[in-house]
């Protein structure tokens, strides 16, 4: 049922539970795992010229760190290597394009990313991925500390 799973990460705390759930599914179905981080080109392009390259480099570094975290968690959870990829572009479009390229069966993502509540007000990447991705999208919300279902993942 699930042979290839793409985990879309932005390195935020809120994606942590999504990574755990996706790795659990991958383990159960012996699926191949791809972890994807997208450097938001809109964020880079809207920055002042003087800091644009520094911002791009910082976001690229953040992405590599986020992907390494997924790889480390996968080493303990699944019996397969994780393919990691950093791309630059519009996150939702890049996630959908990558899912098509690797013939993914599912894309897993958190519901809120680095921009948190502010992003919710203007439309989230997760929502756009759900609307535009050609494969099923598993959105996993981060549980609050007050939620009785909360467990440490």
Protein backbone atom coordinates (compact mmCIF):
# COMPACT_ATOMS: atom_id res chain seq x y z
CA UNK A 1 0.00 0.00 0.00
CA UNK A 2 2.78 2.44 0.94
CA UNK A 3 6.02 1.85 -0.93
CA UNK A 4 7.39 5.40 -0.98
CA UNK A 5 6.76 8.06 1.65
CA UNK A 6 7.92 11.66 1.42
CA UNK A 7 8.37 13.53 4.69
CA UNK A 8 8.20 17.28 4.11
CA UNK A 9 10.05 19.04 6.92
CA UNK A 10 10.89 22.61 7.72
CA UNK A 11 12.84 21.79 10.84
CA UNK A 12 10.21 23.18 13.19
CA UNK A 13 9.16 21.54 16.42
CA UNK A 14 5.66 21.08 15.05
CA UNK A 15 6.85 18.69 12.35
CA UNK A 16 8.38 16.35 14.94
CA UNK A 17 5.22 14.29 15.45
CA UNK A 18 4.66 14.06 11.69
CA UNK A 19 8.14 12.60 11.29
CA UNK A 20 7.40 10.00 13.96
CA UNK A 21 4.07 9.00 12.43
CA UNK A 22 5.53 8.81 8.92
CA UNK A 23 8.44 6.67 10.11
CA UNK A 24 6.02 4.36 11.90
CA UNK A 25 4.01 3.92 8.70
CA UNK A 26 7.21 3.36 6.71
CA UNK A 27 8.31 0.70 9.16
CA UNK A 28 4.96 -1.08 9.07
CA UNK A 29 4.89 -1.18 5.26
CA UNK A 30 8.65 -1.49 4.69
CA UNK A 31 8.47 1.69 2.64
CA UNK A 32 11.23 3.80 1.17
CA UNK A 33 11.54 7.17 2.94
CA UNK A 34 12.42 10.48 1.33
CA UNK A 35 12.88 13.58 3.49
CA UNK A 36 12.45 16.92 1.73
CA UNK A 37 13.25 20.45 2.84
CA UNK A 38 12.34 23.40 0.63
CA UNK A 39 14.14 26.72 0.89
CA UNK A 40 11.28 29.16 0.37
CA UNK A 41 12.33 31.28 -2.62
CA UNK A 42 9.67 33.87 -1.77
CA UNK A 43 11.26 34.42 1.62
CA UNK A 44 14.71 34.72 0.04
CA UNK A 45 13.58 37.01 -2.81
CA UNK A 46 11.72 39.35 -0.46
CA UNK A 47 14.79 39.89 1.71
CA UNK A 48 17.07 42.92 1.21
CA UNK A 49 19.79 42.45 -1.41
CA UNK A 50 22.52 42.91 1.19
CA UNK A 51 21.45 39.82 3.15
CA UNK A 52 19.86 37.67 0.45
CA UNK A 53 22.79 35.25 0.01
CA UNK A 54 23.33 35.00 3.75
CA UNK A 55 19.65 34.19 4.24
CA UNK A 56 19.74 31.58 1.47
CA UNK A 57 22.81 29.98 3.08
CA UNK A 58 21.22 30.06 6.54
CA UNK A 59 18.01 28.45 5.26
CA UNK A 60 20.03 25.83 3.37
CA UNK A 61 21.96 25.03 6.55
CA UNK A 62 18.74 24.86 8.54
CA UNK A 63 17.35 22.48 5.93
CA UNK A 64 20.35 20.18 6.07
CA UNK A 65 20.10 20.10 9.87
CA UNK A 66 16.37 19.30 9.68
CA UNK A 67 17.05 16.49 7.22
CA UNK A 68 19.84 15.11 9.38
CA UNK A 69 17.41 15.01 12.30
CA UNK A 70 14.98 12.96 10.20
CA UNK A 71 17.82 10.65 9.13
CA UNK A 72 18.89 10.13 12.77
CA UNK A 73 15.35 9.38 13.90
CA UNK A 74 14.89 6.99 10.99
CA UNK A 75 18.05 5.09 11.93
CA UNK A 76 16.28 4.08 15.16
CA UNK A 77 12.85 3.51 13.63
CA UNK A 78 13.06 1.91 10.21
CA UNK A 79 15.16 -0.67 8.45
CA UNK A 80 15.92 1.50 5.44
CA UNK A 81 18.04 4.49 4.49
CA UNK A 82 16.45 7.89 4.09
CA UNK A 83 16.99 9.82 0.87
CA UNK A 84 17.36 13.51 1.76
CA UNK A 85 16.86 16.42 -0.60
CA UNK A 86 17.04 20.21 -0.30
CA UNK A 87 15.26 22.21 -2.97
CA UNK A 88 14.54 25.87 -3.51
CA UNK A 89 11.20 27.24 -4.70
CA UNK A 90 7.65 27.61 -3.49
CA UNK A 91 7.30 24.93 -0.79
CA UNK A 92 3.90 23.51 -1.75
CA UNK A 93 4.76 23.35 -5.44
CA UNK A 94 8.16 21.77 -4.78
CA UNK A 95 6.66 19.18 -2.43
CA UNK A 96 4.04 18.20 -5.01
CA UNK A 97 6.63 18.08 -7.80
CA UNK A 98 8.99 15.94 -5.74
CA UNK A 99 6.16 13.55 -4.82
CA UNK A 100 5.48 13.08 -8.55
CA UNK A 101 9.17 12.60 -9.35
CA UNK A 102 9.70 9.81 -6.83
CA UNK A 103 6.26 8.29 -7.46
CA UNK A 104 5.34 8.72 -3.79
CA UNK A 105 2.36 6.95 -2.29
CA UNK A 106 2.02 9.50 0.51
CA UNK A 107 3.40 12.84 1.68
CA UNK A 108 3.58 13.45 5.43
CA UNK A 109 3.80 16.94 6.90
CA UNK A 110 3.02 18.89 10.02
CA UNK A 111 0.14 21.32 10.10
CA UNK A 112 2.11 24.32 11.30
CA UNK A 113 5.66 25.18 10.45
CA UNK A 114 8.28 27.77 11.29
CA UNK A 115 5.80 30.62 10.89
CA UNK A 116 3.26 29.18 13.35
CA UNK A 117 0.07 31.10 14.01
CA UNK A 118 0.99 33.92 11.65
CA UNK A 119 1.13 31.48 8.75
CA UNK A 120 -2.29 30.12 9.71
CA UNK A 121 -3.86 33.52 9.10
CA UNK A 122 -2.58 33.86 5.54
CA UNK A 123 -2.78 30.24 4.43
CA UNK A 124 -0.43 27.43 5.25
CA UNK A 125 1.93 25.37 3.17
CA UNK A 126 0.24 22.23 4.50
CA UNK A 127 -3.13 23.43 3.22
CA UNK A 128 -1.70 24.15 -0.23
CA UNK A 129 0.00 20.76 -0.33
CA UNK A 130 -3.29 19.06 0.54
CA UNK A 131 -5.06 20.97 -2.26
CA UNK A 132 -2.42 20.50 -4.96
CA UNK A 133 -0.48 17.33 -4.28
CA UNK A 134 -1.25 14.45 -6.67
CA UNK A 135 -0.92 11.83 -3.89
CA UNK A 136 -2.54 11.46 -0.48
CA UNK A 137 -1.22 13.85 2.16
CA UNK A 138 -0.99 12.91 5.80
CA UNK A 139 -1.11 16.05 7.95
CA UNK A 140 -0.16 15.53 11.56
CA UNK A 141 -0.73 18.22 14.14
CA UNK A 142 1.57 18.71 17.08
CA UNK A 143 -0.25 17.90 20.30
CA UNK A 144 -0.16 20.50 23.05
CA UNK A 145 1.13 19.63 26.51
CA UNK A 146 -2.46 19.70 27.79
CA UNK A 147 -3.70 17.13 25.27
CA UNK A 148 -4.33 13.80 27.02
CA UNK A 149 -3.18 11.91 23.89
CA UNK A 150 0.24 13.55 24.01
CA UNK A 151 3.15 11.19 24.13
CA UNK A 152 6.79 11.91 23.56
CA UNK A 153 7.87 11.04 20.06
